Amino acid sequence: MVARITLPPQVRSPLMYNEKKVQQGVARLLMTSGYWKDDPSLSVSEKLALMEKNTSLNHRAKYKSLHVTLNFHPDEQLSPALLKRLATEYMQRIGFGEQPFLVYQHFDAAHPHVHIIAPTIRANGTLLDLNYIGKRKSEPACRAMEQKFQLIVAEKKELTVREQIVPAHISSAMYGKGPTKKTISDIVQAVIKYYKFNSLEQLNAVLHQYHVIADQGPEHSRMHQKKGLCYSIIDTQGNKIGVPIKASSLWYQPTLTKIEALFVANHRDKKKHAPAIRQAIDQALQLTTCTNKEALATILRSHQIEVIYRTNAAGRTYGITFIDNINRVVFNGRELGKQTAAAAIEQRLAPSSNNRTEPPSPSIKPAHVERTPTNSSAAHVDPASYSEPQTAMQQLIYALLQAEYNPEYSYDPYRKRKKNKKGKEPER
């Protein structure tokens, strides 16, 4: 169970957002609390009246409404009655149990979730305590409710988030703005949240996998000069289809300014995964079957690394991008080092290259990085897992692999490291 809290300056905006979802048929009013009647047929003006009455009692308050989204694991089977209990208990635990609030159930995502709206001002005009409400009240409430109601805990939900990012359904996206906007919103929000990239081009490299593109418009256009951004569905050839959607109109508001603010932190956070990707590329290039760019892409794809070649009109490759879909990081070839730049890759793929090795015998497992989502840059491969070599060639390869993974020098991602006085990890 995960709760996401926003504090809009007034209640009308979150209320109208949820009412619009109801009109579109992807949400419903699940319950009301603190109203004179619990009736789904309440008009919008009736729903808004009580909340605005509270907010009008304190004109000095900066945040006059609370908008919470309670998100549950896709495998949860939650009845309307249980969702009502969860919403009511959550509001009580964070101190909003006596406030009037509305609960909407949404059906426009792959996981069950509800939206809760409440005023932050009491009936006597005093403001509820909102200081660090997420850390002090919301997170403890979620953990306690997970145990009480035996819900799937948040950590397990994070492990399956990759399954929730699905490619756009192109045929349905061609029929109007409604489904197009929903599809784009879901994909863009998930990619921005879970992938590490440090340029708009790298973001688009990931979005292309899901048939979406972020577009600034032509270089001298008004939108480009004003740093505007639109998102569009694309077909398998990269052609835009459907209605472009402005970034500011999406719920997550993935504008260019917001995306650029992530670049520095993303660049720092993704560096720890660079050694593992470099090693996977080097090992792929050493195989005799890796004779051209298409073969390299196919080999790396088996390790969940997508390769994108950037070419000019003349067909010359001037750049290369690697997308690690396991650890969800994006690198340009030059970022990983000179040997993985586009020109270096083409040179290493040249027929004259003599550093290739025969594919390992079926009795010998190839040396490769264990590609599981971890916080380490590489994972240790136990040499004992290899079968005993039989032929002279196998013995030679086996000896080389043993030397590469000598336990004395291997990297253990779970070993605790000592930090220096400034709190930084020592250079390796």
Protein backbone atom coordinates (compact mmCIF):
# COMPACT_ATOMS: atom_id res chain seq x y z
CA MET A 1 0.00 0.00 0.00
CA VAL A 2 1.41 3.36 -1.03
CA ALA A 3 -0.12 6.76 -0.26
CA ARG A 4 0.71 9.86 -2.30
CA ILE A 5 -0.27 13.23 -0.83
CA THR A 6 -0.66 16.60 -2.53
CA LEU A 7 -1.83 19.84 -0.94
CA PRO A 8 -3.68 21.99 -3.52
CA PRO A 9 -4.43 25.60 -2.50
CA GLN A 10 -8.19 24.97 -2.85
CA VAL A 11 -10.57 22.01 -3.06
CA ARG A 12 -12.22 22.80 -6.37
CA SER A 13 -9.31 21.60 -8.54
CA PRO A 14 -8.96 18.05 -7.14
CA LEU A 15 -12.74 17.69 -6.92
CA MET A 16 -13.27 18.65 -10.57
CA TYR A 17 -10.43 16.35 -11.63
CA ASN A 18 -12.18 13.37 -10.04
CA GLU A 19 -15.59 14.43 -11.33
CA LYS A 20 -14.17 14.58 -14.85
CA LYS A 21 -12.93 11.02 -14.42
CA VAL A 22 -16.46 10.02 -13.38
CA GLN A 23 -17.89 11.64 -16.52
CA GLN A 24 -15.37 9.73 -18.64
CA GLY A 25 -16.57 6.48 -17.10
CA VAL A 26 -13.21 5.55 -15.50
CA ALA A 27 -14.10 6.44 -11.89
CA ARG A 28 -17.00 6.52 -9.44
CA LEU A 29 -17.82 8.16 -6.12
CA LEU A 30 -17.20 5.35 -3.64
CA MET A 31 -18.26 7.07 -0.40
CA THR A 32 -18.75 10.35 1.44
CA SER A 33 -17.95 11.10 5.08
CA GLY A 34 -19.16 14.04 7.15
CA TYR A 35 -21.96 14.90 4.69
CA TRP A 36 -25.66 15.04 5.51
CA LYS A 37 -26.19 11.97 3.33
CA ASP A 38 -24.09 9.21 1.82
CA ASP A 39 -25.54 9.24 -1.64
CA PRO A 40 -23.65 8.80 -4.95
CA SER A 41 -26.26 11.03 -6.60
CA LEU A 42 -24.96 14.13 -4.80
CA SER A 43 -24.48 16.95 -7.27
CA VAL A 44 -21.09 18.56 -7.78
CA SER A 45 -22.28 21.75 -6.08
CA GLU A 46 -23.45 19.76 -3.05
CA LYS A 47 -20.13 17.95 -2.82
CA LEU A 48 -18.24 21.21 -3.07
CA ALA A 49 -20.45 23.26 -0.73
CA LEU A 50 -19.42 21.68 2.57
CA MET A 51 -15.71 21.72 1.74
CA GLU A 52 -15.71 25.35 0.62
CA LYS A 53 -17.60 26.26 3.76
CA ASN A 54 -14.67 24.96 5.81
CA THR A 55 -11.99 26.53 3.65
CA SER A 56 -13.67 29.95 3.82
CA LEU A 57 -13.16 30.02 7.60
CA ASN A 58 -9.40 30.60 7.34
CA HIS A 59 -8.15 32.94 4.62
CA ARG A 60 -4.55 32.84 5.83
CA ALA A 61 -4.08 29.11 5.19
CA LYS A 62 -1.81 28.43 2.22
CA TYR A 63 -3.01 24.86 1.63
CA LYS A 64 -6.76 24.47 1.99
CA SER A 65 -7.24 20.93 0.70
CA LEU A 66 -5.75 17.48 0.96
CA HIS A 67 -5.67 15.13 -2.05
CA VAL A 68 -4.52 11.57 -1.30
CA THR A 69 -4.11 8.61 -3.63
CA LEU A 70 -4.07 5.19 -1.97
CA ASN A 71 -2.41 2.70 -4.32
CA PHE A 72 -2.53 -1.07 -3.90
CA HIS A 73 -0.71 -3.99 -5.50
CA PRO A 74 -2.19 -5.22 -8.82
CA ASP A 75 -2.71 -8.68 -7.29
CA GLU A 76 -4.91 -7.32 -4.50
CA GLN A 77 -8.61 -8.21 -4.74
CA LEU A 78 -10.30 -5.37 -2.86
CA SER A 79 -14.07 -5.16 -2.58
CA PRO A 80 -15.82 -1.75 -2.41
CA ALA A 81 -16.63 -2.41 1.26
CA LEU A 82 -12.95 -3.06 2.06
CA LEU A 83 -11.83 0.02 0.13
CA LYS A 84 -14.23 2.10 2.22
CA ARG A 85 -12.77 0.66 5.43
CA LEU A 86 -9.22 1.32 4.25
CA ALA A 87 -9.98 4.90 3.26
CA THR A 88 -11.80 5.64 6.53
CA GLU A 89 -9.07 4.15 8.72
CA TYR A 90 -6.32 5.92 6.78
CA MET A 91 -8.01 9.30 7.28
CA GLN A 92 -8.40 8.60 10.98
CA ARG A 93 -4.75 7.63 11.37
CA ILE A 94 -3.48 10.84 9.73
CA GLY A 95 -5.80 13.02 11.84
CA PHE A 96 -8.50 13.77 9.24
CA GLY A 97 -11.16 11.41 10.57
CA GLU A 98 -13.46 14.25 11.70
CA GLN A 99 -13.13 16.18 8.44
CA PRO A 100 -15.67 15.84 5.63
CA PHE A 101 -14.10 13.88 2.77
CA LEU A 102 -14.95 12.23 -0.54
CA VAL A 103 -13.55 8.92 -1.79
CA TYR A 104 -13.39 8.12 -5.53
CA GLN A 105 -12.48 4.72 -6.92
CA HIS A 106 -10.57 4.86 -10.24
CA PHE A 107 -10.35 2.16 -12.89
CA ASP A 108 -7.85 3.75 -15.30
CA ALA A 109 -4.66 2.04 -14.10
CA ALA A 110 -3.29 -1.49 -13.81
CA HIS A 111 -3.54 -1.43 -10.02
CA PRO A 112 -6.46 -0.70 -7.65
CA HIS A 113 -6.44 2.81 -6.21
CA VAL A 114 -8.71 5.43 -4.68
CA HIS A 115 -8.55 9.23 -4.46
CA ILE A 116 -9.52 11.05 -1.27
CA ILE A 117 -10.31 14.78 -1.03
CA ALA A 118 -10.74 16.71 2.23
CA PRO A 119 -10.43 20.31 3.48
CA THR A 120 -7.46 21.02 5.74
CA ILE A 121 -9.41 23.55 7.85
CA ARG A 122 -11.61 22.43 10.75
CA ALA A 123 -15.16 23.63 11.32
CA ASN A 124 -13.82 26.07 13.96
CA GLY A 125 -11.44 27.70 11.45
CA THR A 126 -8.20 26.15 12.75
CA LEU A 127 -5.74 24.46 10.40
CA LEU A 128 -4.86 20.79 10.78
CA ASP A 129 -1.19 19.92 11.31
CA LEU A 130 0.34 19.39 7.86
CA ASN A 131 4.04 19.54 8.79
CA TYR A 132 5.79 16.49 7.31
CA ILE A 133 2.44 14.73 7.19
CA GLY A 134 3.76 12.18 4.73
CA LYS A 135 6.69 11.02 6.85
CA ARG A 136 5.17 11.51 10.30
CA LYS A 137 1.66 10.20 9.74
CA SER A 138 1.03 8.75 6.28
CA GLU A 139 3.93 6.28 6.08
CA PRO A 140 3.35 4.81 9.59
CA ALA A 141 -0.37 4.56 8.78
CA CYS A 142 0.35 2.59 5.58
CA ARG A 143 2.72 0.19 7.35
CA ALA A 144 0.26 -0.43 10.19
CA MET A 145 -2.65 -1.00 7.79
CA GLU A 146 -0.59 -3.41 5.69
CA GLN A 147 -0.20 -5.61 8.75
CA LYS A 148 -3.75 -5.19 10.02
CA PHE A 149 -5.42 -5.96 6.70
CA GLN A 150 -2.66 -8.31 5.43
CA LEU A 151 -1.95 -6.21 2.35
CA ILE A 152 1.04 -6.69 0.06
CA VAL A 153 3.75 -4.42 1.42
CA ALA A 154 5.13 -1.49 -0.56
CA GLU A 155 8.56 -3.08 -1.13
CA LYS A 156 6.98 -6.01 -2.99
CA LYS A 157 4.95 -3.60 -5.08
CA GLU A 158 8.14 -1.87 -6.24
CA LEU A 159 9.52 -5.18 -7.49
CA THR A 160 6.64 -5.58 -9.93
CA VAL A 161 6.43 -2.01 -11.20
CA ARG A 162 8.25 -3.03 -14.38
CA GLU A 163 5.28 -5.29 -15.23
CA GLN A 164 2.95 -2.30 -15.03
CA ILE A 165 4.79 -0.39 -17.77
CA VAL A 166 3.26 -1.79 -20.94
CA PRO A 167 3.63 -0.61 -24.55
CA ALA A 168 0.89 1.59 -25.91
CA HIS A 169 -1.98 -0.09 -27.75
CA ILE A 170 -1.54 1.72 -31.03
CA SER A 171 -4.85 0.76 -32.64
CA SER A 172 -6.92 2.18 -29.78
CA ALA A 173 -4.79 5.34 -29.58
CA MET A 174 -5.82 6.37 -33.09
CA TYR A 175 -9.45 6.99 -32.25
CA GLY A 176 -9.44 10.23 -30.29
CA LYS A 177 -7.92 12.30 -27.56
CA GLY A 178 -9.39 10.45 -24.57
CA PRO A 179 -7.60 7.08 -24.81
CA THR A 180 -4.51 8.73 -26.28
CA LYS A 181 -4.12 11.02 -23.30
CA LYS A 182 -4.61 8.21 -20.78
CA THR A 183 -2.10 5.95 -22.54
CA ILE A 184 0.52 8.68 -22.79
CA SER A 185 0.00 9.81 -19.21
CA ASP A 186 0.46 6.31 -17.76
CA ILE A 187 3.58 5.50 -19.78
CA VAL A 188 5.33 8.87 -19.39
CA GLN A 189 4.73 8.98 -15.64
CA ALA A 190 6.12 5.46 -15.15
CA VAL A 191 9.18 6.03 -17.35
CA ILE A 192 10.10 9.35 -15.73
CA LYS A 193 9.71 7.90 -12.27
CA TYR A 194 11.61 4.63 -12.69
CA TYR A 195 14.26 5.25 -15.38
CA LYS A 196 17.49 7.22 -14.97
CA PHE A 197 18.35 9.46 -17.94
CA ASN A 198 20.13 12.79 -18.26
CA SER A 199 18.90 14.24 -21.56
CA LEU A 200 15.68 14.55 -23.51
CA GLU A 201 17.17 12.29 -26.19
CA GLN A 202 17.76 9.56 -23.60
CA LEU A 203 14.21 9.93 -22.30
CA ASN A 204 12.91 9.54 -25.85
CA ALA A 205 15.05 6.44 -26.30
CA VAL A 206 13.07 4.79 -23.49
CA LEU A 207 9.72 6.21 -24.57
CA HIS A 208 10.22 4.83 -28.10
CA GLN A 209 10.08 1.34 -26.61
CA TYR A 210 6.51 2.11 -25.60
CA HIS A 211 5.57 3.92 -28.83
CA VAL A 212 5.59 7.41 -27.30
CA ILE A 213 7.72 10.47 -28.14
CA ALA A 214 8.38 13.78 -26.36
CA ASP A 215 8.54 16.58 -28.94
CA GLN A 216 9.80 20.17 -28.55
CA GLY A 217 8.66 21.14 -32.04
CA PRO A 218 10.89 22.60 -34.81
CA GLU A 219 13.98 24.46 -33.61
CA HIS A 220 12.69 27.93 -34.53
CA SER A 221 9.07 27.31 -33.56
CA ARG A 222 7.39 29.25 -30.77
CA MET A 223 6.92 26.08 -28.70
CA HIS A 224 10.64 25.24 -28.90
CA GLN A 225 11.70 28.76 -27.97
CA LYS A 226 9.29 28.80 -25.00
CA LYS A 227 10.61 25.37 -23.86
CA GLY A 228 7.26 23.74 -24.48
CA LEU A 229 6.82 19.98 -24.75
CA CYS A 230 4.18 17.72 -26.29
CA TYR A 231 3.80 13.95 -26.16
CA SER A 232 2.50 11.84 -29.05
CA ILE A 233 1.82 8.21 -29.83
CA ILE A 234 4.04 6.85 -32.62
CA ASP A 235 3.71 3.79 -34.82
CA THR A 236 6.37 1.13 -35.38
CA GLN A 237 8.06 3.35 -38.00
CA GLY A 238 8.23 6.30 -35.60
CA ASN A 239 5.47 8.32 -37.27
CA LYS A 240 3.22 10.35 -34.97
CA ILE A 241 -0.43 9.34 -34.82
CA GLY A 242 -3.35 10.65 -32.82
CA VAL A 243 -3.58 14.00 -31.06
CA PRO A 244 -0.41 15.50 -29.46
CA ILE A 245 -0.87 16.13 -25.74
CA LYS A 246 0.69 19.12 -23.97
CA ALA A 247 2.88 18.16 -21.02
CA SER A 248 1.17 20.71 -18.78
CA SER A 249 -2.23 19.10 -19.38
CA LEU A 250 -1.17 15.70 -17.98
CA TRP A 251 -1.76 14.91 -14.33
CA TYR A 252 1.95 14.38 -13.61
CA GLN A 253 2.82 17.53 -15.64
CA PRO A 254 6.07 16.18 -17.17
CA THR A 255 7.14 19.54 -18.61
CA LEU A 256 10.63 20.15 -20.00
CA THR A 257 11.54 22.23 -16.93
CA LYS A 258 10.55 19.41 -14.58
CA ILE A 259 12.40 16.80 -16.67
CA GLU A 260 15.60 18.88 -16.87
CA ALA A 261 15.55 19.24 -13.09
CA LEU A 262 16.11 15.46 -12.87
CA PHE A 263 19.18 15.32 -15.10
CA VAL A 264 21.89 16.01 -12.50
CA ALA A 265 20.59 13.54 -9.92
CA ASN A 266 19.91 10.89 -12.57
CA HIS A 267 23.44 11.24 -13.97
CA ARG A 268 24.90 10.66 -10.51
CA ASP A 269 22.61 7.76 -9.60
CA LYS A 270 23.07 5.76 -12.80
CA LYS A 271 26.89 5.72 -12.71
CA LYS A 272 26.97 2.67 -10.44
CA HIS A 273 25.45 0.55 -13.22
CA ALA A 274 28.01 1.56 -15.88
CA PRO A 275 30.60 -1.22 -15.18
CA ALA A 276 28.01 -3.98 -15.61
CA ILE A 277 26.85 -2.62 -18.98
CA ARG A 278 30.44 -2.13 -20.20
CA GLN A 279 31.26 -5.72 -19.31
CA ALA A 280 28.17 -7.04 -21.10
CA ILE A 281 29.10 -5.07 -24.23
CA ASP A 282 32.73 -6.22 -24.14
CA GLN A 283 31.77 -9.86 -23.77
CA ALA A 284 29.24 -9.62 -26.60
CA LEU A 285 31.84 -8.08 -28.94
CA GLN A 286 34.28 -10.91 -28.22
CA LEU A 287 31.92 -13.55 -29.60
CA THR A 288 32.55 -14.79 -33.14
CA THR A 289 28.81 -14.52 -33.83
CA CYS A 290 28.94 -10.76 -33.20
CA THR A 291 29.83 -9.68 -36.74
CA ASN A 292 27.68 -6.58 -37.24
CA LYS A 293 25.55 -4.02 -35.46
CA GLU A 294 22.38 -6.08 -35.74
CA ALA A 295 24.09 -9.10 -34.17
CA LEU A 296 25.39 -6.97 -31.29
CA ALA A 297 21.89 -5.62 -30.66
CA THR A 298 20.43 -9.13 -30.68
CA ILE A 299 23.01 -10.47 -28.21
CA LEU A 300 22.57 -7.56 -25.80
CA ARG A 301 18.80 -7.76 -26.08
CA SER A 302 19.01 -11.23 -24.54
CA HIS A 303 20.50 -9.48 -21.50
CA GLN A 304 17.64 -6.93 -21.50
CA ILE A 305 19.92 -4.21 -22.91
CA GLU A 306 18.39 -2.38 -25.87
CA VAL A 307 20.74 -0.79 -28.42
CA ILE A 308 19.74 2.26 -30.47
CA TYR A 309 21.96 3.45 -33.33
CA ARG A 310 21.68 7.10 -34.32
CA THR A 311 22.35 7.60 -38.02
CA ASN A 312 22.33 10.60 -40.35
CA ALA A 313 20.65 10.92 -43.76
CA ALA A 314 23.66 9.33 -45.44
CA GLY A 315 23.31 6.23 -43.28
CA ARG A 316 26.42 6.94 -41.19
CA THR A 317 26.19 6.03 -37.51
CA TYR A 318 27.20 8.99 -35.37
CA GLY A 319 25.90 7.89 -31.97
CA ILE A 320 24.78 4.90 -29.95
CA THR A 321 22.54 4.55 -26.89
CA PHE A 322 22.23 1.62 -24.48
CA ILE A 323 19.07 1.10 -22.39
CA ASP A 324 19.38 -1.28 -19.46
CA ASN A 325 15.77 -2.37 -18.93
CA ILE A 326 16.66 -4.38 -15.82
CA ASN A 327 18.19 -1.58 -13.77
CA ARG A 328 16.32 1.06 -15.83
CA VAL A 329 19.25 3.28 -16.78
CA VAL A 330 20.18 4.90 -20.11
CA PHE A 331 23.72 5.59 -21.34
CA ASN A 332 25.15 7.08 -24.49
CA GLY A 333 28.12 5.09 -25.73
CA ARG A 334 30.57 7.89 -24.96
CA GLU A 335 29.36 8.02 -21.34
CA LEU A 336 30.50 4.43 -20.81
CA GLY A 337 33.98 5.12 -22.23
CA LYS A 338 35.90 5.58 -25.47
CA GLN A 339 35.66 1.87 -26.32
CA THR A 340 31.86 1.98 -26.36
CA ALA A 341 31.46 5.12 -28.49
CA ALA A 342 29.79 4.63 -31.87
CA ALA A 343 33.03 4.88 -33.88
CA ALA A 344 34.86 2.49 -31.55
CA ILE A 345 32.01 -0.04 -31.68
CA GLU A 346 32.08 -0.05 -35.50
CA GLN A 347 35.85 -0.51 -35.48
CA ARG A 348 35.59 -3.41 -33.04
CA LEU A 349 32.93 -4.99 -35.27
CA ALA A 350 35.20 -4.76 -38.35
CA PRO A 351 36.10 -8.13 -39.96
CA SER A 352 39.80 -7.50 -39.27
CA SER A 353 39.20 -7.54 -35.54
CA ASN A 354 40.99 -10.59 -34.12
CA ASN A 355 39.91 -10.37 -30.50
CA ARG A 356 36.86 -12.61 -30.95
CA THR A 357 36.41 -15.93 -29.17
CA GLU A 358 34.43 -18.99 -30.10
CA PRO A 359 31.06 -19.27 -28.38
CA PRO A 360 31.49 -21.34 -25.20
CA SER A 361 30.73 -25.04 -25.31
CA PRO A 362 27.30 -25.99 -23.92
CA SER A 363 29.12 -27.61 -20.98
CA ILE A 364 30.61 -24.23 -20.02
CA LYS A 365 28.46 -21.33 -18.93
CA PRO A 366 29.62 -18.00 -20.38
CA ALA A 367 31.05 -15.39 -18.10
CA HIS A 368 28.51 -12.63 -17.81
CA VAL A 369 27.16 -10.12 -15.37
CA GLU A 370 24.21 -11.42 -13.38
CA ARG A 371 21.52 -9.06 -14.63
CA THR A 372 19.19 -8.61 -11.71
CA PRO A 373 17.94 -5.26 -10.39
CA THR A 374 20.35 -4.44 -7.58
CA ASN A 375 22.04 -1.37 -6.19
CA SER A 376 25.46 -2.67 -7.20
CA SER A 377 27.30 -1.94 -10.40
CA ALA A 378 28.01 -5.62 -11.08
CA ALA A 379 27.21 -8.97 -9.56
CA HIS A 380 29.63 -11.75 -8.60
CA VAL A 381 29.59 -14.92 -10.71
CA ASP A 382 30.70 -18.02 -8.85
CA PRO A 383 33.30 -19.98 -10.88
CA ALA A 384 32.13 -23.17 -9.20
CA SER A 385 28.95 -22.91 -11.23
CA TYR A 386 30.86 -23.86 -14.41
CA SER A 387 31.00 -27.45 -15.59
CA GLU A 388 34.32 -29.26 -15.65
CA PRO A 389 36.10 -28.65 -19.03
CA GLN A 390 36.77 -31.61 -21.28
CA THR A 391 38.76 -30.45 -24.33
CA ALA A 392 41.98 -28.43 -24.45
CA MET A 393 40.08 -25.38 -25.78
CA GLN A 394 37.55 -25.67 -22.97
CA GLN A 395 40.36 -25.91 -20.41
CA LEU A 396 41.92 -22.72 -21.77
CA ILE A 397 38.61 -20.80 -21.66
CA TYR A 398 37.89 -22.20 -18.21
CA ALA A 399 41.28 -21.04 -16.93
CA LEU A 400 40.71 -17.55 -18.31
CA LEU A 401 37.30 -17.35 -16.67
CA GLN A 402 38.71 -18.55 -13.37
CA ALA A 403 41.31 -15.79 -13.48
CA GLU A 404 38.68 -13.15 -14.29
CA TYR A 405 36.54 -14.13 -11.34
CA ASN A 406 39.22 -14.77 -8.79
CA PRO A 407 37.40 -14.37 -5.44
CA GLU A 408 40.35 -12.38 -4.11
CA TYR A 409 39.62 -9.59 -6.56
CA SER A 410 35.90 -10.05 -7.25
CA TYR A 411 33.41 -7.38 -6.30
CA ASP A 412 30.90 -8.27 -3.60
CA PRO A 413 27.89 -5.94 -3.83
CA TYR A 414 26.66 -6.91 -0.36
CA ARG A 415 29.93 -6.22 1.47
CA LYS A 416 29.69 -3.17 3.72
CA ARG A 417 32.13 -0.48 2.72
CA LYS A 418 33.93 1.91 5.00
CA LYS A 419 33.26 5.56 4.35
CA ASN A 420 35.82 8.33 4.59
CA LYS A 421 35.38 11.41 6.76
CA LYS A 422 33.34 13.22 4.12
CA GLY A 423 30.91 10.30 3.84
CA LYS A 424 32.06 9.34 0.34
CA GLU A 425 32.92 5.80 -0.66
CA PRO A 426 36.60 5.21 -1.46
CA GLU A 427 37.58 5.07 -5.12
CA ARG A 428 37.93 1.59 -6.59
